[in-house]
Amino acid sequence: MEKIDFRKTLKALYSPPAGAFVRVEPPPMQFVKVDGEGDPNTAAAYRSAVEWLYGVSYAMKFAAKAALGKDYGVPPLEGLWWADDPRTFVTREKDRWRWTMMIMVPDFVTRDMFEKAVAKTGGKRGEPPPSLRLEPYDEGLALQTLHVGGYDEEGPVLARLHEEVIPSQGMAFNGPHHEIYLSDPTKTEPAKLKTILRQPVRVRT
């Protein structure tokens, strides 16, 4: 059975250059998602969200393999981030952030598989987060780059994106800041962490 690697089949979305912003237009995809707010380093809700996302994602992966004969690597964790004042992402005022953490789910995984995966995960973790759901996400046109380094070193990169790159291309914000975590922070030293920084944009009118 061939194992699908979405980082290869969707290479343009997962392999941006470091130091430069490029345009991408991801197709509509479905994700398992959980919403929350607050500092991801200290908020218990954030830790719970990530644990549930991985638990449900792996349960769906095994269900698809057993029922459909389709195996795949669980895609990386992603996060949509926003705040009343976008400058808090440059100043790193994390307690003012809101977020939706999510993991992409292949189209061949059904809602029934999702619901059974939630029930299975609940057997270990109890009640799921109220916002846990499976739904599509259609991001549209975006600019993205690869950031190599600690999460708190993203500030200058985001400042350049907000203050120089987006205005110079005649663009404006069109959705929450999006991050894709290619590295496991529990196994990778901060200087070597790889994170895709993506911002949905639209032509400024």
N, C-alpha and C. Protein backbone atom coordinates (compact mmCIF):
# COMPACT_ATOMS: atom_id res chain seq x y z
N MET A 1 0.84 -1.19 0.00
CA MET A 1 0.00 0.00 0.00
C MET A 1 0.89 1.25 0.00
N GLU A 2 0.72 2.10 -0.99
CA GLU A 2 1.52 3.32 -1.07
C GLU A 2 1.03 4.34 -0.06
N LYS A 3 1.96 4.98 0.63
CA LYS A 3 1.62 5.97 1.64
C LYS A 3 1.71 7.36 1.03
N ILE A 4 0.62 8.10 1.08
CA ILE A 4 0.57 9.44 0.49
C ILE A 4 1.30 10.42 1.40
N ASP A 5 2.19 11.21 0.82
CA ASP A 5 2.91 12.25 1.54
C ASP A 5 2.47 13.59 0.96
N PHE A 6 1.60 14.30 1.66
CA PHE A 6 1.05 15.54 1.13
C PHE A 6 2.09 16.65 1.02
N ARG A 7 3.17 16.54 1.77
CA ARG A 7 4.22 17.54 1.63
C ARG A 7 4.94 17.40 0.29
N LYS A 8 4.77 16.25 -0.36
CA LYS A 8 5.32 16.06 -1.71
C LYS A 8 4.26 16.29 -2.78
N THR A 9 3.05 15.75 -2.58
CA THR A 9 2.00 15.91 -3.59
C THR A 9 1.50 17.36 -3.67
N LEU A 10 1.64 18.11 -2.57
CA LEU A 10 1.27 19.53 -2.55
C LEU A 10 2.52 20.37 -2.27
N LYS A 11 3.58 20.05 -2.98
CA LYS A 11 4.90 20.63 -2.70
C LYS A 11 4.90 22.15 -2.73
N ALA A 12 4.16 22.76 -3.64
CA ALA A 12 4.17 24.23 -3.74
C ALA A 12 3.65 24.88 -2.47
N LEU A 13 2.79 24.18 -1.73
CA LEU A 13 2.22 24.74 -0.51
C LEU A 13 3.13 24.55 0.69
N TYR A 14 4.00 23.55 0.64
CA TYR A 14 4.80 23.19 1.80
C TYR A 14 6.30 23.45 1.62
N SER A 15 6.70 24.04 0.51
CA SER A 15 8.15 24.24 0.26
C SER A 15 8.46 25.65 -0.24
N PRO A 16 8.05 26.69 0.49
CA PRO A 16 8.41 28.04 0.05
C PRO A 16 9.88 28.32 0.33
N PRO A 17 10.45 29.31 -0.35
CA PRO A 17 11.84 29.66 -0.08
C PRO A 17 11.96 30.43 1.24
N ALA A 18 13.13 30.38 1.83
CA ALA A 18 13.42 31.19 3.01
C ALA A 18 13.92 32.55 2.53
N GLY A 19 13.46 33.61 3.17
CA GLY A 19 13.95 34.94 2.85
C GLY A 19 13.20 35.66 1.76
N ALA A 20 12.23 35.01 1.13
CA ALA A 20 11.44 35.66 0.07
C ALA A 20 9.99 35.23 0.19
N PHE A 21 9.09 36.12 -0.16
CA PHE A 21 7.67 35.80 -0.16
C PHE A 21 7.22 35.46 -1.57
N VAL A 22 6.49 34.36 -1.69
CA VAL A 22 5.98 33.92 -2.99
C VAL A 22 4.46 33.79 -2.91
N ARG A 23 3.83 33.90 -4.08
CA ARG A 23 2.37 33.77 -4.14
C ARG A 23 1.97 32.31 -4.28
N VAL A 24 0.93 31.93 -3.56
CA VAL A 24 0.33 30.61 -3.70
C VAL A 24 -1.19 30.79 -3.66
N GLU A 25 -1.90 29.83 -4.20
CA GLU A 25 -3.36 29.84 -4.14
C GLU A 25 -3.83 28.43 -3.81
N PRO A 26 -3.85 28.08 -2.53
CA PRO A 26 -4.22 26.72 -2.13
C PRO A 26 -5.65 26.38 -2.58
N PRO A 27 -5.88 25.14 -2.98
CA PRO A 27 -7.25 24.72 -3.31
C PRO A 27 -8.06 24.59 -2.03
N PRO A 28 -9.39 24.59 -2.13
CA PRO A 28 -10.20 24.32 -0.94
C PRO A 28 -9.84 22.94 -0.38
N MET A 29 -9.64 22.86 0.92
CA MET A 29 -9.32 21.60 1.58
C MET A 29 -10.12 21.51 2.87
N GLN A 30 -10.27 20.28 3.39
CA GLN A 30 -10.97 20.13 4.66
C GLN A 30 -9.96 19.95 5.79
N PHE A 31 -10.35 20.46 6.95
CA PHE A 31 -9.49 20.42 8.12
C PHE A 31 -10.30 20.01 9.35
N VAL A 32 -9.64 19.39 10.30
CA VAL A 32 -10.20 19.24 11.63
C VAL A 32 -9.66 20.42 12.43
N LYS A 33 -10.55 21.15 13.14
CA LYS A 33 -10.19 22.43 13.74
C LYS A 33 -10.65 22.54 15.19
N VAL A 34 -9.93 23.36 15.94
CA VAL A 34 -10.34 23.75 17.29
C VAL A 34 -9.99 25.23 17.47
N ASP A 35 -10.91 26.01 18.03
CA ASP A 35 -10.69 27.44 18.27
C ASP A 35 -10.26 27.70 19.71
N GLY A 36 -9.58 28.84 19.92
CA GLY A 36 -9.22 29.24 21.27
C GLY A 36 -8.61 30.63 21.27
N GLU A 37 -8.10 31.03 22.41
CA GLU A 37 -7.45 32.33 22.54
C GLU A 37 -6.44 32.27 23.67
N GLY A 38 -5.50 33.22 23.63
CA GLY A 38 -4.50 33.31 24.68
C GLY A 38 -3.13 32.81 24.25
N ASP A 39 -2.18 32.94 25.15
CA ASP A 39 -0.78 32.58 24.90
C ASP A 39 -0.66 31.07 24.69
N PRO A 40 -0.19 30.64 23.51
CA PRO A 40 -0.07 29.19 23.26
C PRO A 40 0.94 28.50 24.17
N ASN A 41 1.83 29.26 24.78
CA ASN A 41 2.82 28.66 25.67
C ASN A 41 2.26 28.33 27.05
N THR A 42 1.15 28.99 27.40
CA THR A 42 0.64 28.81 28.76
C THR A 42 -0.84 28.41 28.83
N ALA A 43 -1.60 28.63 27.77
CA ALA A 43 -3.03 28.36 27.80
C ALA A 43 -3.31 26.86 27.77
N ALA A 44 -4.01 26.35 28.78
CA ALA A 44 -4.34 24.93 28.82
C ALA A 44 -5.21 24.54 27.63
N ALA A 45 -6.04 25.49 27.16
CA ALA A 45 -6.91 25.21 26.02
C ALA A 45 -6.11 24.92 24.76
N TYR A 46 -4.96 25.58 24.63
CA TYR A 46 -4.12 25.34 23.45
C TYR A 46 -3.55 23.93 23.48
N ARG A 47 -3.03 23.53 24.61
CA ARG A 47 -2.46 22.19 24.74
C ARG A 47 -3.53 21.13 24.48
N SER A 48 -4.72 21.34 25.03
CA SER A 48 -5.82 20.40 24.81
C SER A 48 -6.20 20.34 23.34
N ALA A 49 -6.24 21.50 22.68
CA ALA A 49 -6.61 21.55 21.26
C ALA A 49 -5.66 20.72 20.42
N VAL A 50 -4.37 20.88 20.66
CA VAL A 50 -3.37 20.15 19.87
C VAL A 50 -3.47 18.65 20.13
N GLU A 51 -3.66 18.27 21.38
CA GLU A 51 -3.77 16.84 21.70
C GLU A 51 -4.99 16.22 21.02
N TRP A 52 -6.10 16.93 21.03
CA TRP A 52 -7.30 16.42 20.37
C TRP A 52 -7.13 16.35 18.86
N LEU A 53 -6.51 17.36 18.28
CA LEU A 53 -6.32 17.36 16.82
C LEU A 53 -5.49 16.16 16.38
N TYR A 54 -4.40 15.89 17.09
CA TYR A 54 -3.58 14.75 16.70
C TYR A 54 -4.28 13.43 16.99
N GLY A 55 -4.99 13.34 18.12
CA GLY A 55 -5.70 12.11 18.43
C GLY A 55 -6.74 11.76 17.37
N VAL A 56 -7.54 12.75 16.99
CA VAL A 56 -8.58 12.53 15.98
C VAL A 56 -7.95 12.28 14.62
N SER A 57 -6.89 13.01 14.28
CA SER A 57 -6.26 12.86 12.96
C SER A 57 -5.68 11.45 12.78
N TYR A 58 -5.03 10.94 13.81
CA TYR A 58 -4.46 9.60 13.68
C TYR A 58 -5.55 8.54 13.66
N ALA A 59 -6.63 8.75 14.41
CA ALA A 59 -7.74 7.80 14.36
C ALA A 59 -8.37 7.76 12.96
N MET A 60 -8.48 8.92 12.32
CA MET A 60 -9.02 8.96 10.95
C MET A 60 -8.06 8.30 9.96
N LYS A 61 -6.77 8.53 10.16
CA LYS A 61 -5.77 7.91 9.29
C LYS A 61 -5.89 6.39 9.32
N PHE A 62 -5.99 5.81 10.52
CA PHE A 62 -6.08 4.35 10.65
C PHE A 62 -7.41 3.84 10.11
N ALA A 63 -8.47 4.61 10.27
CA ALA A 63 -9.77 4.20 9.74
C ALA A 63 -9.76 4.18 8.22
N ALA A 64 -9.13 5.18 7.61
CA ALA A 64 -9.05 5.22 6.15
C ALA A 64 -8.22 4.06 5.62
N LYS A 65 -7.17 3.73 6.33
CA LYS A 65 -6.31 2.62 5.91
C LYS A 65 -7.08 1.30 5.98
N ALA A 66 -7.86 1.11 7.05
CA ALA A 66 -8.60 -0.14 7.23
C ALA A 66 -9.80 -0.24 6.28
N ALA A 67 -10.54 0.85 6.12
CA ALA A 67 -11.79 0.80 5.35
C ALA A 67 -11.60 1.04 3.87
N LEU A 68 -10.62 1.88 3.52
CA LEU A 68 -10.46 2.29 2.12
C LEU A 68 -9.18 1.77 1.48
N GLY A 69 -8.28 1.24 2.28
CA GLY A 69 -7.00 0.81 1.74
C GLY A 69 -6.13 1.97 1.30
N LYS A 70 -6.32 3.13 1.97
CA LYS A 70 -5.54 4.32 1.64
C LYS A 70 -4.77 4.77 2.88
N ASP A 71 -3.44 4.86 2.74
CA ASP A 71 -2.59 5.26 3.85
C ASP A 71 -1.98 6.62 3.53
N TYR A 72 -1.80 7.42 4.56
CA TYR A 72 -1.20 8.75 4.36
C TYR A 72 -0.51 9.20 5.63
N GLY A 73 0.47 10.05 5.44
CA GLY A 73 1.11 10.66 6.59
C GLY A 73 0.24 11.80 7.09
N VAL A 74 -0.02 11.85 8.39
CA VAL A 74 -0.82 12.94 8.94
C VAL A 74 -0.10 14.26 8.64
N PRO A 75 -0.78 15.21 7.98
CA PRO A 75 -0.13 16.48 7.64
C PRO A 75 0.28 17.28 8.87
N PRO A 76 1.13 18.28 8.70
CA PRO A 76 1.61 19.05 9.85
C PRO A 76 0.51 19.89 10.50
N LEU A 77 0.73 20.21 11.75
CA LEU A 77 -0.15 21.12 12.49
C LEU A 77 -0.09 22.50 11.85
N GLU A 78 -1.26 23.15 11.78
CA GLU A 78 -1.35 24.50 11.23
C GLU A 78 -2.12 25.38 12.20
N GLY A 79 -1.94 26.68 12.08
CA GLY A 79 -2.67 27.60 12.94
C GLY A 79 -3.08 28.86 12.20
N LEU A 80 -4.32 29.27 12.41
CA LEU A 80 -4.79 30.57 11.96
C LEU A 80 -4.78 31.49 13.17
N TRP A 81 -4.17 32.66 13.01
CA TRP A 81 -3.98 33.56 14.15
C TRP A 81 -4.49 34.95 13.81
N TRP A 82 -5.18 35.58 14.77
CA TRP A 82 -5.63 36.94 14.55
C TRP A 82 -5.77 37.64 15.90
N ALA A 83 -5.93 38.97 15.82
CA ALA A 83 -6.09 39.79 17.02
C ALA A 83 -6.75 41.09 16.61
N ASP A 84 -7.32 41.79 17.58
CA ASP A 84 -7.93 43.08 17.26
C ASP A 84 -6.91 44.04 16.69
N ASP A 85 -5.66 43.93 17.15
CA ASP A 85 -4.57 44.76 16.65
C ASP A 85 -3.50 43.83 16.06
N PRO A 86 -3.36 43.77 14.72
CA PRO A 86 -2.38 42.87 14.10
C PRO A 86 -0.95 43.13 14.55
N ARG A 87 -0.67 44.32 15.07
CA ARG A 87 0.70 44.63 15.49
C ARG A 87 1.13 43.77 16.68
N THR A 88 0.17 43.14 17.37
CA THR A 88 0.55 42.29 18.51
C THR A 88 1.35 41.07 18.07
N PHE A 89 1.29 40.74 16.77
CA PHE A 89 2.09 39.62 16.28
C PHE A 89 3.54 40.04 16.09
N VAL A 90 3.77 41.31 15.86
CA VAL A 90 5.13 41.83 15.76
C VAL A 90 5.69 42.06 17.16
N THR A 91 4.86 42.57 18.07
CA THR A 91 5.31 42.85 19.43
C THR A 91 5.25 41.62 20.33
N ARG A 92 4.65 40.54 19.82
CA ARG A 92 4.56 39.24 20.52
C ARG A 92 3.75 39.33 21.81
N GLU A 93 2.65 40.10 21.81
CA GLU A 93 1.74 40.16 22.94
C GLU A 93 0.77 38.99 22.83
N LYS A 94 1.23 37.84 23.25
CA LYS A 94 0.54 36.59 22.95
C LYS A 94 -0.79 36.42 23.69
N ASP A 95 -0.94 37.07 24.82
CA ASP A 95 -2.20 36.92 25.55
C ASP A 95 -3.36 37.59 24.82
N ARG A 96 -3.06 38.38 23.80
CA ARG A 96 -4.10 39.07 23.03
C ARG A 96 -4.44 38.33 21.73
N TRP A 97 -3.82 37.20 21.53
CA TRP A 97 -4.03 36.46 20.29
C TRP A 97 -5.25 35.55 20.37
N ARG A 98 -5.87 35.34 19.23
CA ARG A 98 -6.91 34.33 19.06
C ARG A 98 -6.44 33.36 17.99
N TRP A 99 -6.92 32.13 18.05
CA TRP A 99 -6.36 31.14 17.13
C TRP A 99 -7.36 30.05 16.79
N THR A 100 -7.13 29.46 15.63
CA THR A 100 -7.77 28.20 15.23
C THR A 100 -6.65 27.26 14.86
N MET A 101 -6.45 26.21 15.65
CA MET A 101 -5.44 25.21 15.31
C MET A 101 -6.12 24.14 14.47
N MET A 102 -5.38 23.57 13.52
CA MET A 102 -6.03 22.66 12.58
C MET A 102 -5.02 21.74 11.90
N ILE A 103 -5.54 20.61 11.40
CA ILE A 103 -4.74 19.66 10.63
C ILE A 103 -5.56 19.27 9.41
N MET A 104 -4.92 19.29 8.26
CA MET A 104 -5.60 18.95 7.01
C MET A 104 -6.04 17.49 6.99
N VAL A 105 -7.22 17.25 6.42
CA VAL A 105 -7.80 15.92 6.33
C VAL A 105 -8.07 15.61 4.86
N PRO A 106 -7.57 14.51 4.31
CA PRO A 106 -7.81 14.18 2.90
C PRO A 106 -9.30 14.09 2.57
N ASP A 107 -9.64 14.41 1.34
CA ASP A 107 -11.04 14.41 0.91
C ASP A 107 -11.69 13.04 1.04
N PHE A 108 -10.89 11.96 0.97
CA PHE A 108 -11.49 10.64 1.02
C PHE A 108 -11.88 10.21 2.44
N VAL A 109 -11.48 11.00 3.43
CA VAL A 109 -11.91 10.72 4.81
C VAL A 109 -13.31 11.30 4.98
N THR A 110 -14.26 10.47 5.40
CA THR A 110 -15.65 10.87 5.47
C THR A 110 -16.02 11.46 6.83
N ARG A 111 -17.17 12.11 6.87
CA ARG A 111 -17.65 12.66 8.14
C ARG A 111 -17.92 11.56 9.16
N ASP A 112 -18.38 10.41 8.67
CA ASP A 112 -18.61 9.29 9.58
C ASP A 112 -17.30 8.86 10.23
N MET A 113 -16.23 8.82 9.45
CA MET A 113 -14.92 8.48 10.01
C MET A 113 -14.50 9.51 11.05
N PHE A 114 -14.78 10.77 10.76
CA PHE A 114 -14.44 11.83 11.71
C PHE A 114 -15.20 11.64 13.02
N GLU A 115 -16.50 11.42 12.93
CA GLU A 115 -17.31 11.28 14.14
C GLU A 115 -16.88 10.08 14.97
N LYS A 116 -16.54 8.98 14.30
CA LYS A 116 -16.06 7.81 15.03
C LYS A 116 -14.69 8.08 15.65
N ALA A 117 -13.86 8.86 14.95
CA ALA A 117 -12.54 9.20 15.48
C ALA A 117 -12.67 10.07 16.74
N VAL A 118 -13.65 10.98 16.74
CA VAL A 118 -13.89 11.82 17.91
C VAL A 118 -14.32 10.95 19.09
N ALA A 119 -15.23 10.00 18.82
CA ALA A 119 -15.69 9.11 19.89
C ALA A 119 -14.54 8.26 20.43
N LYS A 120 -13.69 7.78 19.54
CA LYS A 120 -12.56 6.96 19.96
C LYS A 120 -11.58 7.77 20.81
N THR A 121 -11.29 8.98 20.36
CA THR A 121 -10.38 9.84 21.11
C THR A 121 -10.99 10.23 22.46
N GLY A 122 -12.31 10.43 22.46
CA GLY A 122 -12.99 10.77 23.71
C GLY A 122 -12.89 9.69 24.76
N GLY A 123 -12.71 8.44 24.31
CA GLY A 123 -12.55 7.35 25.26
C GLY A 123 -11.29 7.51 26.09
N LYS A 124 -10.31 8.26 25.56
CA LYS A 124 -9.06 8.49 26.27
C LYS A 124 -9.01 9.87 26.93
N ARG A 125 -9.67 10.84 26.28
CA ARG A 125 -9.50 12.23 26.72
C ARG A 125 -10.77 12.86 27.30
N GLY A 126 -11.87 12.14 27.29
CA GLY A 126 -13.09 12.71 27.86
C GLY A 126 -13.84 13.56 26.84
N GLU A 127 -14.44 14.64 27.32
CA GLU A 127 -15.25 15.50 26.46
C GLU A 127 -14.36 16.30 25.50
N PRO A 128 -14.74 16.34 24.21
CA PRO A 128 -13.94 17.11 23.25
C PRO A 128 -14.14 18.61 23.42
N PRO A 129 -13.23 19.42 22.92
CA PRO A 129 -13.44 20.87 22.94
C PRO A 129 -14.73 21.22 22.19
N PRO A 130 -15.52 22.17 22.68
CA PRO A 130 -16.79 22.50 22.04
C PRO A 130 -16.67 22.88 20.56
N SER A 131 -15.54 23.48 20.18
CA SER A 131 -15.37 23.95 18.80
C SER A 131 -14.76 22.90 17.87
N LEU A 132 -14.46 21.70 18.37
CA LEU A 132 -13.88 20.66 17.52
C LEU A 132 -14.82 20.36 16.37
N ARG A 133 -14.30 20.40 15.15
CA ARG A 133 -15.16 20.21 13.98
C ARG A 133 -14.34 19.82 12.77
N LEU A 134 -15.02 19.30 11.75
CA LEU A 134 -14.44 19.03 10.45
C LEU A 134 -15.14 19.95 9.47
N GLU A 135 -14.37 20.79 8.77
CA GLU A 135 -15.00 21.72 7.84
C GLU A 135 -14.00 22.15 6.77
N PRO A 136 -14.51 22.64 5.63
CA PRO A 136 -13.62 23.10 4.56
C PRO A 136 -13.01 24.45 4.87
N TYR A 137 -11.88 24.71 4.24
CA TYR A 137 -11.24 26.03 4.34
C TYR A 137 -10.74 26.41 2.96
N ASP A 138 -11.24 27.52 2.46
CA ASP A 138 -10.88 28.02 1.13
C ASP A 138 -10.13 29.33 1.33
N GLU A 139 -8.82 29.27 1.33
CA GLU A 139 -7.98 30.40 1.70
C GLU A 139 -7.81 31.42 0.59
N GLY A 140 -7.72 30.95 -0.65
CA GLY A 140 -7.50 31.85 -1.77
C GLY A 140 -6.06 32.31 -1.88
N LEU A 141 -5.86 33.40 -2.60
CA LEU A 141 -4.52 33.93 -2.86
C LEU A 141 -3.81 34.30 -1.56
N ALA A 142 -2.53 33.95 -1.47
CA ALA A 142 -1.76 34.24 -0.26
C ALA A 142 -0.29 34.45 -0.61
N LEU A 143 0.43 35.11 0.29
CA LEU A 143 1.88 35.23 0.22
C LEU A 143 2.47 34.40 1.34
N GLN A 144 3.55 33.68 1.04
CA GLN A 144 4.15 32.85 2.08
C GLN A 144 5.67 32.80 1.95
N THR A 145 6.31 32.49 3.09
CA THR A 145 7.75 32.32 3.14
C THR A 145 8.08 31.24 4.17
N LEU A 146 9.30 30.77 4.14
CA LEU A 146 9.77 29.81 5.14
C LEU A 146 10.59 30.56 6.18
N HIS A 147 10.19 30.43 7.44
CA HIS A 147 10.96 31.02 8.54
C HIS A 147 11.74 29.91 9.23
N VAL A 148 13.03 30.09 9.36
CA VAL A 148 13.88 29.13 10.07
C VAL A 148 14.36 29.81 11.35
N GLY A 149 13.96 29.26 12.48
CA GLY A 149 14.33 29.85 13.77
C GLY A 149 13.18 29.77 14.75
N GLY A 150 13.39 30.34 15.92
CA GLY A 150 12.38 30.30 16.97
C GLY A 150 11.13 31.07 16.61
N TYR A 151 10.02 30.68 17.23
CA TYR A 151 8.75 31.35 16.95
C TYR A 151 8.81 32.84 17.31
N ASP A 152 9.50 33.18 18.38
CA ASP A 152 9.58 34.57 18.81
C ASP A 152 10.51 35.41 17.94
N GLU A 153 11.14 34.78 16.97
CA GLU A 153 11.98 35.52 16.01
C GLU A 153 11.22 35.85 14.73
N GLU A 154 9.93 35.55 14.72
CA GLU A 154 9.11 35.83 13.53
C GLU A 154 8.80 37.31 13.36
N GLY A 155 8.89 38.08 14.46
CA GLY A 155 8.48 39.48 14.45
C GLY A 155 9.01 40.30 13.29
N PRO A 156 10.34 40.34 13.06
CA PRO A 156 10.88 41.15 11.96
C PRO A 156 10.39 40.68 10.58
N VAL A 157 10.21 39.37 10.42
CA VAL A 157 9.72 38.84 9.15
C VAL A 157 8.29 39.32 8.90
N LEU A 158 7.46 39.26 9.93
CA LEU A 158 6.08 39.70 9.80
C LEU A 158 5.99 41.21 9.61
N ALA A 159 6.87 41.94 10.28
CA ALA A 159 6.89 43.39 10.10
C ALA A 159 7.21 43.75 8.65
N ARG A 160 8.18 43.04 8.07
CA ARG A 160 8.52 43.28 6.67
C ARG A 160 7.35 42.95 5.75
N LEU A 161 6.67 41.84 6.05
CA LEU A 161 5.50 41.46 5.25
C LEU A 161 4.42 42.52 5.33
N HIS A 162 4.10 42.95 6.55
CA HIS A 162 3.01 43.90 6.76
C HIS A 162 3.33 45.29 6.21
N GLU A 163 4.56 45.74 6.43
CA GLU A 163 4.91 47.13 6.15
C GLU A 163 5.52 47.35 4.77
N GLU A 164 6.11 46.29 4.17
CA GLU A 164 6.80 46.47 2.90
C GLU A 164 6.21 45.61 1.78
N VAL A 165 6.18 44.29 2.00
CA VAL A 165 5.85 43.37 0.91
C VAL A 165 4.41 43.53 0.44
N ILE A 166 3.46 43.48 1.37
CA ILE A 166 2.05 43.57 0.97
C ILE A 166 1.73 44.92 0.33
N PRO A 167 2.13 46.06 0.92
CA PRO A 167 1.86 47.35 0.26
C PRO A 167 2.53 47.49 -1.10
N SER A 168 3.77 46.99 -1.22
CA SER A 168 4.50 47.15 -2.48
C SER A 168 3.86 46.38 -3.63
N GLN A 169 3.09 45.35 -3.31
CA GLN A 169 2.43 44.56 -4.35
C GLN A 169 0.99 44.97 -4.58
N GLY A 170 0.60 46.09 -3.96
CA GLY A 170 -0.76 46.59 -4.13
C GLY A 170 -1.80 45.68 -3.51
N MET A 171 -1.42 44.99 -2.43
CA MET A 171 -2.30 44.03 -1.79
C MET A 171 -2.77 44.54 -0.43
N ALA A 172 -3.77 43.83 0.12
CA ALA A 172 -4.27 44.10 1.46
C ALA A 172 -4.56 42.77 2.13
N PHE A 173 -4.66 42.77 3.46
CA PHE A 173 -4.98 41.56 4.21
C PHE A 173 -6.34 41.01 3.77
N ASN A 174 -6.44 39.68 3.76
CA ASN A 174 -7.70 39.05 3.39
C ASN A 174 -7.94 37.78 4.20
N GLY A 175 -7.71 37.87 5.50
CA GLY A 175 -7.90 36.69 6.34
C GLY A 175 -6.84 36.62 7.41
N PRO A 176 -6.98 35.70 8.34
CA PRO A 176 -6.03 35.60 9.46
C PRO A 176 -4.66 35.11 9.03
N HIS A 177 -3.67 35.52 9.79
CA HIS A 177 -2.29 35.04 9.62
C HIS A 177 -2.28 33.52 9.78
N HIS A 178 -1.52 32.84 8.93
CA HIS A 178 -1.54 31.38 8.85
C HIS A 178 -0.12 30.86 9.04
N GLU A 179 0.04 29.90 9.93
CA GLU A 179 1.35 29.27 10.12
C GLU A 179 1.22 27.76 9.96
N ILE A 180 2.24 27.15 9.37
CA ILE A 180 2.30 25.70 9.19
C ILE A 180 3.61 25.23 9.82
N TYR A 181 3.51 24.32 10.77
CA TYR A 181 4.66 23.92 11.58
C TYR A 181 5.28 22.65 11.02
N LEU A 182 6.40 22.82 10.32
CA LEU A 182 7.06 21.69 9.67
C LEU A 182 7.96 20.91 10.63
N SER A 183 8.27 21.51 11.78
CA SER A 183 9.16 20.87 12.76
C SER A 183 8.40 20.56 14.03
N ASP A 184 8.87 19.55 14.74
CA ASP A 184 8.33 19.20 16.04
C ASP A 184 9.12 19.98 17.09
N PRO A 185 8.50 20.96 17.78
CA PRO A 185 9.26 21.78 18.73
C PRO A 185 9.76 21.00 19.94
N THR A 186 9.21 19.82 20.18
CA THR A 186 9.69 19.00 21.30
C THR A 186 10.95 18.23 20.94
N LYS A 187 11.28 18.18 19.65
CA LYS A 187 12.45 17.42 19.21
C LYS A 187 13.47 18.26 18.44
N THR A 188 13.16 19.53 18.21
CA THR A 188 14.00 20.39 17.39
C THR A 188 14.42 21.62 18.17
N GLU A 189 15.70 21.95 18.15
CA GLU A 189 16.15 23.15 18.85
C GLU A 189 15.58 24.38 18.15
N PRO A 190 15.29 25.45 18.90
CA PRO A 190 14.62 26.62 18.33
C PRO A 190 15.27 27.18 17.07
N ALA A 191 16.60 27.20 17.02
CA ALA A 191 17.28 27.79 15.87
C ALA A 191 17.03 27.04 14.57
N LYS A 192 16.56 25.79 14.67
CA LYS A 192 16.37 24.97 13.49
C LYS A 192 14.89 24.72 13.16
N LEU A 193 14.00 25.32 13.92
CA LEU A 193 12.57 25.15 13.64
C LEU A 193 12.23 25.73 12.27
N LYS A 194 11.40 25.00 11.53
CA LYS A 194 10.95 25.46 10.22
C LYS A 194 9.44 25.70 10.25
N THR A 195 9.05 26.93 9.94
CA THR A 195 7.65 27.32 9.98
C THR A 195 7.30 28.09 8.73
N ILE A 196 6.22 27.69 8.07
CA ILE A 196 5.72 28.46 6.93
C ILE A 196 4.85 29.59 7.46
N LEU A 197 5.16 30.81 7.06
CA LEU A 197 4.36 31.97 7.41
C LEU A 197 3.57 32.38 6.17
N ARG A 198 2.26 32.36 6.29
CA ARG A 198 1.40 32.63 5.12
C ARG A 198 0.36 33.69 5.48
N GLN A 199 0.12 34.60 4.54
CA GLN A 199 -0.89 35.62 4.76
C GLN A 199 -1.82 35.71 3.55
N PRO A 200 -3.10 35.40 3.72
CA PRO A 200 -4.05 35.59 2.62
C PRO A 200 -4.14 37.07 2.26
N VAL A 201 -4.21 37.36 0.98
CA VAL A 201 -4.23 38.74 0.50
C VAL A 201 -5.26 38.91 -0.61
N ARG A 202 -5.58 40.17 -0.88
CA ARG A 202 -6.44 40.52 -2.01
C ARG A 202 -5.89 41.79 -2.63
N VAL A 203 -6.28 42.04 -3.86
CA VAL A 203 -5.85 43.26 -4.53
C VAL A 203 -6.52 44.45 -3.84
N ARG A 204 -5.72 45.44 -3.45
CA ARG A 204 -6.25 46.61 -2.75
C ARG A 204 -7.08 47.46 -3.70
N THR A 205 -8.24 47.89 -3.24
CA THR A 205 -9.11 48.71 -4.08
C THR A 205 -9.22 50.11 -3.53
